[in-house]
Amino acid sequence: MRYQMATVTTPLAEKAESIFRELGYTVSTDDCGLRAERKWRVVHVTLGEDPAEQVDGELQCFVTWDEHADEVQDRLVGENPDYDWAVIGVRDDGSYGCYRQRTPVST
């Protein structure tokens, strides 16, 4: 797996995999990191607080700890990338919030 910053830990990767599996995705690793697939969708998953380095693909999801999710979202909104993206902020209790274009949806 590709990690963006030293603060990313194995538990974050495990939580990201668990979230996508619960959503019905098949999760695998490749040279670029996590890859979540369901039906026609392939989502490239980046772990950590730094969305600066993207992998190829139209669907990107950035998974970070909840306290960094707003910062990652703000950076993406400011950059206005040409791909569809989401940010998942993982909380200590295992719950998470999904953010896209300033529209938080909690689970």
Protein backbone atom coordinates (compact mmCIF):
# COMPACT_ATOMS: atom_id res chain seq x y z
CA MET A 1 0.00 0.00 0.00
CA ARG A 2 1.06 3.56 -0.64
CA TYR A 3 1.04 5.85 2.38
CA GLN A 4 1.00 9.61 1.95
CA MET A 5 2.41 10.72 5.30
CA ALA A 6 4.24 9.15 8.21
CA THR A 7 1.18 9.66 10.44
CA VAL A 8 -0.76 7.06 8.48
CA THR A 9 -0.86 3.83 10.37
CA THR A 10 -1.94 0.29 9.66
CA PRO A 11 -5.17 0.81 11.66
CA LEU A 12 -6.23 3.53 9.18
CA ALA A 13 -5.62 1.17 6.26
CA GLU A 14 -7.56 -1.57 8.03
CA LYS A 15 -10.44 0.80 8.75
CA ALA A 16 -10.51 1.98 5.11
CA GLU A 17 -10.64 -1.62 3.89
CA SER A 18 -13.39 -2.43 6.38
CA ILE A 19 -15.50 0.59 5.35
CA PHE A 20 -15.35 -0.29 1.67
CA ARG A 21 -16.03 -3.99 2.32
CA GLU A 22 -19.11 -3.03 4.40
CA LEU A 23 -20.27 -0.93 1.44
CA GLY A 24 -20.08 -4.00 -0.78
CA TYR A 25 -16.79 -3.30 -2.53
CA THR A 26 -14.07 -5.83 -3.27
CA VAL A 27 -10.86 -4.32 -1.91
CA SER A 28 -7.39 -5.10 -3.19
CA THR A 29 -3.97 -3.51 -3.16
CA ASP A 30 -1.91 -2.54 -6.15
CA ASP A 31 1.22 -0.49 -6.80
CA CYS A 32 -0.69 2.72 -6.11
CA GLY A 33 -2.51 1.75 -2.90
CA LEU A 34 -6.00 0.49 -2.20
CA ARG A 35 -8.42 -0.23 -5.01
CA ALA A 36 -12.13 -0.73 -4.25
CA GLU A 37 -14.34 -2.25 -6.95
CA ARG A 38 -18.10 -2.75 -7.19
CA LYS A 39 -20.06 -3.29 -10.38
CA TRP A 40 -18.61 -0.84 -12.92
CA ARG A 41 -16.98 1.41 -10.30
CA VAL A 42 -13.30 1.41 -9.46
CA VAL A 43 -12.38 3.74 -6.61
CA HIS A 44 -8.74 4.55 -5.97
CA VAL A 45 -8.23 5.01 -2.22
CA THR A 46 -5.49 7.26 -0.84
CA LEU A 47 -4.68 7.13 2.87
CA GLY A 48 -3.54 10.14 4.89
CA GLU A 49 -3.81 13.89 5.01
CA ASP A 50 -2.05 14.79 1.77
CA PRO A 51 -4.14 14.51 -1.41
CA ALA A 52 -1.29 16.00 -3.47
CA GLU A 53 -0.32 12.71 -5.09
CA GLN A 54 -3.19 11.04 -6.95
CA VAL A 55 -3.37 7.77 -8.84
CA ASP A 56 -5.01 7.48 -12.23
CA GLY A 57 -8.77 7.16 -12.29
CA GLU A 58 -11.98 9.11 -12.31
CA LEU A 59 -13.09 8.12 -8.80
CA GLN A 60 -10.82 9.00 -5.86
CA CYS A 61 -11.44 8.59 -2.14
CA PHE A 62 -9.16 10.07 0.48
CA VAL A 63 -9.37 8.29 3.86
CA THR A 64 -7.95 10.09 6.86
CA TRP A 65 -8.62 10.52 10.56
CA ASP A 66 -11.71 12.63 11.21
CA GLU A 67 -9.77 15.58 12.66
CA HIS A 68 -8.02 16.03 9.28
CA ALA A 69 -11.03 15.47 6.98
CA ASP A 70 -12.08 19.13 6.76
CA GLU A 71 -8.53 20.16 5.86
CA VAL A 72 -8.30 17.55 3.09
CA GLN A 73 -11.73 18.53 1.78
CA ASP A 74 -10.83 22.24 1.77
CA ARG A 75 -7.65 21.49 -0.16
CA LEU A 76 -9.57 19.50 -2.77
CA VAL A 77 -12.27 22.16 -3.12
CA GLY A 78 -9.53 24.77 -3.65
CA GLU A 79 -7.72 22.64 -6.23
CA ASN A 80 -10.96 21.70 -8.03
CA PRO A 81 -9.52 18.51 -9.56
CA ASP A 82 -11.03 17.05 -12.73
CA TYR A 83 -12.05 13.76 -11.11
CA ASP A 84 -14.89 12.74 -8.82
CA TRP A 85 -13.72 12.61 -5.20
CA ALA A 86 -14.80 12.00 -1.63
CA VAL A 87 -13.11 12.26 1.75
CA ILE A 88 -13.81 9.79 4.54
CA GLY A 89 -12.98 10.94 8.06
CA VAL A 90 -12.59 7.96 10.40
CA ARG A 91 -13.42 8.50 14.08
CA ASP A 92 -11.81 6.71 17.03
CA ASP A 93 -14.99 4.72 17.69
CA GLY A 94 -14.94 3.28 14.15
CA SER A 95 -17.73 5.44 12.78
CA TYR A 96 -16.97 7.78 9.91
CA GLY A 97 -18.20 10.76 7.95
CA CYS A 98 -18.10 11.07 4.19
CA TYR A 99 -17.51 14.52 2.74
CA ARG A 100 -17.92 15.66 -0.84
CA GLN A 101 -18.17 19.26 -2.01
CA ARG A 102 -18.94 20.43 1.55
CA THR A 103 -21.86 18.03 2.01
CA PRO A 104 -21.11 15.81 5.03
CA VAL A 105 -23.00 12.53 5.34
CA SER A 106 -22.47 10.60 8.58
CA THR A 107 -22.97 6.91 9.17
